[in-house]
Protein backbone atom coordinates (compact mmCIF):
# COMPACT_ATOMS: atom_id res chain seq x y z
CA UNK A 1 -4.35 30.15 10.00
CA UNK A 2 -3.28 26.50 9.80
CA UNK A 3 -4.08 24.61 6.63
CA UNK A 4 -5.36 21.05 6.31
CA UNK A 5 -4.71 19.16 3.08
CA UNK A 6 -6.92 16.22 2.20
CA UNK A 7 -5.74 13.84 -0.49
CA UNK A 8 -8.22 11.55 -2.23
CA UNK A 9 -6.84 9.02 -4.74
CA UNK A 10 -9.44 7.90 -7.25
CA UNK A 11 -9.91 5.62 -10.22
CA UNK A 12 -13.28 5.21 -11.94
CA UNK A 13 -15.17 6.84 -9.08
CA UNK A 14 -17.78 8.81 -11.02
CA UNK A 15 -20.47 7.94 -8.48
CA UNK A 16 -18.41 9.08 -5.49
CA UNK A 17 -16.27 12.13 -6.33
CA UNK A 18 -19.09 14.68 -6.10
CA UNK A 19 -20.70 13.33 -2.89
CA UNK A 20 -17.37 12.93 -1.07
CA UNK A 21 -16.19 16.42 -1.98
CA UNK A 22 -19.44 17.90 -0.66
CA UNK A 23 -19.35 15.77 2.49
CA UNK A 24 -15.76 16.75 3.31
CA UNK A 25 -16.38 20.46 2.75
CA UNK A 26 -19.45 20.32 4.99
CA UNK A 27 -17.51 18.47 7.71
CA UNK A 28 -14.64 20.95 7.59
CA UNK A 29 -16.93 23.97 7.69
CA UNK A 30 -18.92 22.50 10.56
CA UNK A 31 -16.22 20.94 12.75
CA UNK A 32 -13.04 22.81 11.80
CA UNK A 33 -14.00 26.32 10.63
CA UNK A 34 -10.83 27.78 12.16
CA UNK A 35 -8.65 25.99 9.57
CA UNK A 36 -7.98 26.72 5.94
CA UNK A 37 -8.13 23.66 3.69
CA UNK A 38 -7.40 22.17 0.29
CA UNK A 39 -8.82 18.98 -1.17
CA UNK A 40 -6.70 17.27 -3.81
CA UNK A 41 -8.03 14.49 -6.02
CA UNK A 42 -5.35 12.49 -7.85
CA UNK A 43 -6.96 10.54 -10.66
CA UNK A 44 -5.15 7.42 -11.87
CA UNK A 45 -6.34 7.59 -15.51
CA UNK A 46 -10.05 6.91 -14.95
CA UNK A 47 -11.94 5.60 -17.96
CA UNK A 48 -15.42 6.72 -16.88
CA UNK A 49 -16.90 10.17 -16.20
CA UNK A 50 -14.67 10.89 -13.19
CA UNK A 51 -12.47 13.53 -14.83
CA UNK A 52 -15.27 15.72 -16.26
CA UNK A 53 -16.92 15.67 -12.84
CA UNK A 54 -13.65 16.66 -11.15
CA UNK A 55 -13.22 19.57 -13.58
CA UNK A 56 -16.68 20.82 -12.64
CA UNK A 57 -16.02 20.43 -8.91
CA UNK A 58 -12.76 22.38 -9.20
CA UNK A 59 -14.51 25.10 -11.17
CA UNK A 60 -17.08 25.55 -8.41
CA UNK A 61 -14.57 25.54 -5.51
CA UNK A 62 -10.99 26.83 -6.03
CA UNK A 63 -9.90 25.05 -2.85
CA UNK A 64 -10.54 21.74 -4.56
CA UNK A 65 -7.69 20.68 -6.84
CA UNK A 66 -7.06 17.80 -9.18
CA UNK A 67 -4.10 15.97 -10.67
CA UNK A 68 -4.71 13.81 -13.73
CA UNK A 69 -2.13 11.09 -14.28
CA UNK A 70 -1.04 10.43 -17.87
CA UNK A 71 -1.72 6.71 -17.29
CA UNK A 72 -2.46 4.31 -14.47
CA UNK A 73 0.65 4.19 -12.28
CA UNK A 74 -0.66 1.69 -9.77
CA UNK A 75 -2.33 1.72 -6.39
CA UNK A 76 0.83 2.64 -4.45
CA UNK A 77 2.65 5.23 -6.56
CA UNK A 78 -0.32 7.49 -7.26
CA UNK A 79 -1.41 8.13 -3.63
CA UNK A 80 2.19 8.53 -2.49
CA UNK A 81 2.91 11.05 -5.24
CA UNK A 82 -0.30 12.90 -4.42
CA UNK A 83 0.72 13.28 -0.78
CA UNK A 84 3.96 14.93 -1.87
CA UNK A 85 1.99 17.57 -3.80
CA UNK A 86 0.09 18.87 -0.75
CA UNK A 87 1.15 22.07 1.01
CA UNK A 88 -0.90 22.04 4.21
CA UNK A 89 0.43 21.93 7.75
CA UNK A 90 -0.89 18.37 7.80
CA UNK A 91 -2.21 15.99 5.16
CA UNK A 92 -5.07 13.53 5.53
CA UNK A 93 -5.28 10.67 3.03
CA UNK A 94 -8.57 8.88 2.60
CA UNK A 95 -10.42 6.76 0.07
CA UNK A 96 -12.97 8.13 -2.36
CA UNK A 97 -15.57 5.42 -1.72
CA UNK A 98 -16.66 6.48 1.81
CA UNK A 99 -15.09 3.40 3.43
CA UNK A 100 -12.92 5.82 5.40
CA UNK A 101 -15.37 7.72 7.66
CA UNK A 102 -15.37 11.48 7.13
CA UNK A 103 -16.27 12.05 10.77
CA UNK A 104 -12.78 10.82 11.67
CA UNK A 105 -11.24 14.03 10.28
CA UNK A 106 -11.79 16.21 13.39
CA UNK A 107 -10.64 13.34 15.64
CA UNK A 108 -7.37 13.07 13.72
CA UNK A 109 -6.83 16.82 13.79
CA UNK A 110 -7.43 16.84 17.56
CA UNK A 111 -4.68 14.23 18.05
CA UNK A 112 -2.40 16.22 15.76
CA UNK A 113 -2.94 19.38 17.79
CA UNK A 114 -1.94 17.41 20.90
CA UNK A 115 1.46 16.76 19.33
CA UNK A 116 1.08 13.65 17.18
CA UNK A 117 3.03 13.73 13.93
CA UNK A 118 1.17 10.75 12.48
CA UNK A 119 -2.35 9.60 13.26
CA UNK A 120 -2.93 6.06 11.96
CA UNK A 121 -6.53 4.93 11.60
CA UNK A 122 -6.84 1.22 12.43
CA UNK A 123 -9.92 -0.63 11.22
CA UNK A 124 -10.79 -2.87 14.13
CA UNK A 125 -14.10 -3.80 12.52
CA UNK A 126 -15.21 -3.91 8.92
CA UNK A 127 -18.40 -4.36 6.97
CA UNK A 128 -16.49 -5.89 4.06
CA UNK A 129 -16.73 -9.54 3.07
CA UNK A 130 -15.90 -11.57 6.24
CA UNK A 131 -13.83 -14.05 4.21
CA UNK A 132 -11.73 -11.20 2.79
CA UNK A 133 -11.43 -9.76 6.29
CA UNK A 134 -10.16 -13.12 7.55
CA UNK A 135 -7.47 -13.40 4.86
CA UNK A 136 -6.39 -9.80 5.42
CA UNK A 137 -5.99 -10.55 9.13
CA UNK A 138 -3.85 -13.60 8.35
CA UNK A 139 -1.73 -11.52 5.98
CA UNK A 140 -1.14 -8.80 8.59
CA UNK A 141 -0.20 -11.41 11.21
CA UNK A 142 2.28 -13.09 8.88
CA UNK A 143 3.96 -9.91 7.67
CA UNK A 144 4.19 -8.58 11.23
CA UNK A 145 5.79 -11.83 12.40
CA UNK A 146 8.25 -11.98 9.51
CA UNK A 147 9.22 -8.31 9.29
CA UNK A 148 12.05 -6.72 11.24
CA UNK A 149 9.87 -3.59 11.37
CA UNK A 150 6.87 -3.59 13.70
CA UNK A 151 4.17 -3.50 11.03
CA UNK A 152 0.79 -1.93 11.79
CA UNK A 153 -2.10 -4.37 11.55
CA UNK A 154 -5.20 -3.31 9.59
CA UNK A 155 -3.68 0.03 8.62
CA UNK A 156 -4.44 0.95 5.00
CA UNK A 157 -2.78 4.36 4.87
CA UNK A 158 -5.90 6.21 6.00
CA UNK A 159 -4.61 8.77 8.47
CA UNK A 160 -3.05 12.15 9.12
CA UNK A 161 0.55 13.07 8.38
CA UNK A 162 2.33 16.17 9.65
CA UNK A 163 4.20 18.21 7.03
CA UNK A 164 7.50 17.35 8.78
CA UNK A 165 6.90 13.65 8.03
CA UNK A 166 5.98 14.51 4.45
CA UNK A 167 9.42 16.13 4.16
CA UNK A 168 10.89 12.78 5.23
CA UNK A 169 8.85 11.06 2.52
CA UNK A 170 10.00 13.55 -0.11
CA UNK A 171 13.63 12.81 0.68
CA UNK A 172 13.27 9.03 0.40
CA UNK A 173 13.32 9.03 -3.40
CA UNK A 174 11.74 5.56 -3.41
CA UNK A 175 10.37 4.52 -6.85
CA UNK A 176 8.29 1.73 -5.28
CA UNK A 177 6.90 3.28 -2.09
CA UNK A 178 4.82 1.26 0.35
CA UNK A 179 3.25 3.85 2.62
CA UNK A 180 2.18 1.36 5.33
CA UNK A 181 5.70 0.03 5.70
CA UNK A 182 7.25 3.51 5.57
CA UNK A 183 4.98 4.70 8.39
CA UNK A 184 5.80 1.61 10.46
CA UNK A 185 9.53 1.97 9.87
CA UNK A 186 10.08 5.74 9.97
CA UNK A 187 6.96 7.15 11.60
CA UNK A 188 7.49 9.00 14.88
CA UNK A 189 5.15 10.41 17.49
CA UNK A 190 2.45 8.17 16.07
CA UNK A 191 -1.01 7.75 17.56
CA UNK A 192 -3.46 5.00 16.59
CA UNK A 193 -7.21 5.57 16.57
CA UNK A 194 -9.74 2.86 15.83
CA UNK A 195 -12.68 2.91 13.46
CA UNK A 196 -15.18 0.63 11.74
CA UNK A 197 -14.72 0.41 8.00
CA UNK A 198 -17.98 0.95 6.12
CA UNK A 199 -19.06 -0.62 2.84
CA UNK A 200 -18.43 1.20 -0.40
CA UNK A 201 -21.08 3.84 -1.00
CA UNK A 202 -21.20 3.09 -4.74
CA UNK A 203 -19.21 1.44 -7.48
CA UNK A 204 -17.06 -1.64 -7.09
CA UNK A 205 -13.64 -2.26 -5.67
CA UNK A 206 -10.72 -2.32 -8.08
CA UNK A 207 -8.77 -4.77 -5.94
CA UNK A 208 -8.42 -8.28 -7.27
CA UNK A 209 -6.13 -11.24 -6.70
CA UNK A 210 -3.30 -9.71 -8.72
CA UNK A 211 -3.39 -6.28 -7.02
CA UNK A 212 -3.56 -7.90 -3.58
CA UNK A 213 -0.73 -10.28 -4.50
CA UNK A 214 1.32 -7.32 -5.74
CA UNK A 215 0.79 -5.54 -2.42
CA UNK A 216 1.75 -8.65 -0.47
CA UNK A 217 4.94 -9.17 -2.50
CA UNK A 218 5.88 -5.50 -2.18
CA UNK A 219 5.62 -5.70 1.60
CA UNK A 220 7.53 -9.00 1.75
CA UNK A 221 10.38 -7.91 -0.50
CA UNK A 222 10.66 -4.47 1.09
CA UNK A 223 10.45 -5.36 4.76
CA UNK A 224 11.37 -9.00 5.26
CA UNK A 225 14.44 -11.20 4.83
CA UNK A 226 12.67 -14.32 5.97
CA UNK A 227 11.99 -15.47 2.41
CA UNK A 228 15.66 -15.51 1.51
CA UNK A 229 16.61 -17.08 4.84
CA UNK A 230 13.95 -19.75 4.37
CA UNK A 231 15.23 -20.58 0.89
CA UNK A 232 18.77 -21.00 2.24
CA UNK A 233 17.72 -23.15 5.20
CA UNK A 234 15.35 -25.41 3.25
CA UNK A 235 17.92 -25.74 0.47
CA UNK A 236 20.52 -26.90 2.99
CA UNK A 237 18.12 -29.38 4.60
CA UNK A 238 17.07 -30.87 1.24
CA UNK A 239 20.71 -31.12 0.18
CA UNK A 240 21.59 -33.06 3.34
CA UNK A 241 18.55 -35.33 2.95
CA UNK A 242 19.40 -35.98 -0.70
CA UNK A 243 22.98 -36.86 0.24
CA UNK A 244 21.84 -39.23 3.01
CA UNK A 245 19.32 -40.87 0.67
CA UNK A 246 22.07 -41.41 -1.91
CA UNK A 247 24.35 -43.02 0.73
CA UNK A 248 21.54 -45.34 1.94
CA UNK A 249 20.70 -46.30 -1.64
CA UNK A 250 24.37 -47.04 -2.37
CA UNK A 251 24.77 -49.22 0.73
CA UNK A 252 21.60 -51.18 -0.01
CA UNK A 253 22.68 -51.65 -3.59
CA UNK A 254 26.09 -52.98 -2.54
CA UNK A 255 24.65 -55.41 0.02
CA UNK A 256 21.81 -56.71 -2.11
CA UNK A 257 23.31 -56.06 -5.53
CA UNK A 258 21.07 -58.39 -7.46
CA UNK A 259 17.97 -58.44 -5.31
CA UNK A 260 17.60 -54.76 -4.39
CA UNK A 261 15.35 -52.62 -6.54
CA UNK A 262 13.91 -49.30 -5.28
CA UNK A 263 11.64 -48.93 -8.27
CA UNK A 264 11.18 -45.97 -10.61
CA UNK A 265 8.13 -44.38 -8.92
CA UNK A 266 9.97 -43.05 -5.81
CA UNK A 267 12.62 -41.47 -8.03
CA UNK A 268 10.02 -39.74 -10.20
CA UNK A 269 8.13 -38.49 -7.14
CA UNK A 270 11.33 -37.17 -5.58
CA UNK A 271 12.30 -35.50 -8.88
CA UNK A 272 8.96 -33.70 -9.17
CA UNK A 273 9.10 -32.66 -5.52
CA UNK A 274 12.57 -31.18 -5.73
CA UNK A 275 11.76 -29.43 -9.02
CA UNK A 276 8.61 -27.90 -7.50
CA UNK A 277 10.56 -26.61 -4.50
CA UNK A 278 13.23 -25.26 -6.82
CA UNK A 279 10.70 -23.39 -8.98
CA UNK A 280 9.01 -21.95 -5.90
CA UNK A 281 12.28 -20.62 -4.54
CA UNK A 282 13.38 -19.27 -7.93
CA UNK A 283 10.09 -17.37 -8.07
CA UNK A 284 10.66 -16.01 -4.58
CA UNK A 285 14.18 -14.86 -5.45
CA UNK A 286 12.78 -13.38 -8.65
CA UNK A 287 10.43 -11.17 -6.64
CA UNK A 288 13.38 -9.75 -4.71
CA UNK A 289 15.40 -9.25 -7.91
CA UNK A 290 12.45 -7.53 -9.60
CA UNK A 291 12.09 -5.22 -6.60
CA UNK A 292 15.79 -4.36 -6.75
CA UNK A 293 15.58 -3.81 -10.52
CA UNK A 294 12.67 -1.38 -10.13
CA UNK A 295 14.55 0.62 -7.52
CA UNK A 296 17.74 0.72 -9.59
CA UNK A 297 15.89 2.10 -12.64
CA UNK A 298 14.55 4.88 -10.39
CA UNK A 299 11.77 5.93 -12.75
CA UNK A 300 9.34 8.72 -11.77
CA UNK A 301 6.45 7.81 -9.50
CA UNK A 302 3.89 9.48 -11.77
CA UNK A 303 3.77 11.47 -15.00
CA UNK A 304 1.14 14.20 -14.86
CA UNK A 305 -1.14 14.99 -17.76
CA UNK A 306 -2.90 17.93 -16.15
CA UNK A 307 -3.35 19.70 -12.84
CA UNK A 308 -6.18 22.05 -11.88
CA UNK A 309 -6.32 24.98 -9.41
CA UNK A 310 -2.69 24.65 -8.33
CA UNK A 311 -1.89 27.95 -10.03
CA UNK A 312 -4.00 29.69 -7.38
CA UNK A 313 -1.43 28.82 -4.69
CA UNK A 314 1.36 30.09 -6.93
CA UNK A 315 -0.41 33.44 -7.41
CA UNK A 316 -1.00 33.75 -3.67
CA UNK A 317 2.70 33.05 -2.99
CA UNK A 318 3.71 35.74 -5.49
CA UNK A 319 1.38 38.27 -3.86
CA UNK A 320 2.89 37.53 -0.44
């Protein structure tokens, strides 16, 4: 019997963990009764009642498992690490807040059975804030244009991954993984299916300007060289313009030695402009250096505090 693993990353989702676990179990029993399954919640150090609820869920159903992180390891590391802990023939990753439709599970499995190794769910419509949707669209267009890899627009990581691709992910040893970029770069036999993203069932999103900026910088520094090329090109252009301006100023000064005066204001404006450009580019280079530094340190993706119901698989393996 084939086994389906479903990974659900969560953080402060006390209002959603119980309903989503019940909904997924019902969907699997109704639509895919011929498959065995496991549901793994990886909790990123929730500060509400999420963990006690997960303990109770796992107690009631041994096929539901949980990993409790020792601290919050970020929105990218925790889901990636959780995917590597699954042992099904395929793994489906989805959000805990019901924005990823549960009814997509049998559709993804059907594509997988046809031979797809990755099934990417693309949100062609969304019930989220239209302004946020607009900026996300702009971001996807920019990163796709700038990247050497054909990035997938409006793909959040929600999808199905064959165990053979998970083996590829395990061998990457990437301390700062960006699952969307990895799928775009290394994914093979990939099928896209469209869906409409729903609103959160309960709770509030944990994304803010800083988390979204972090995601954007991770994608830029990992999959584009345009930033560095742009810095070099603009730096060369400004250097040439500065040199030409100095020559023109010198000539005018020699011709009209006593009468020529350019004034202080243009010099101050030019100084501020060049300093602003310089600071911007230093910041951009700093993002690349910080990305390199993180990879060189090669620290673990996650440190676990506790895991629940995983010993059941170990006992079954010993009995076999």
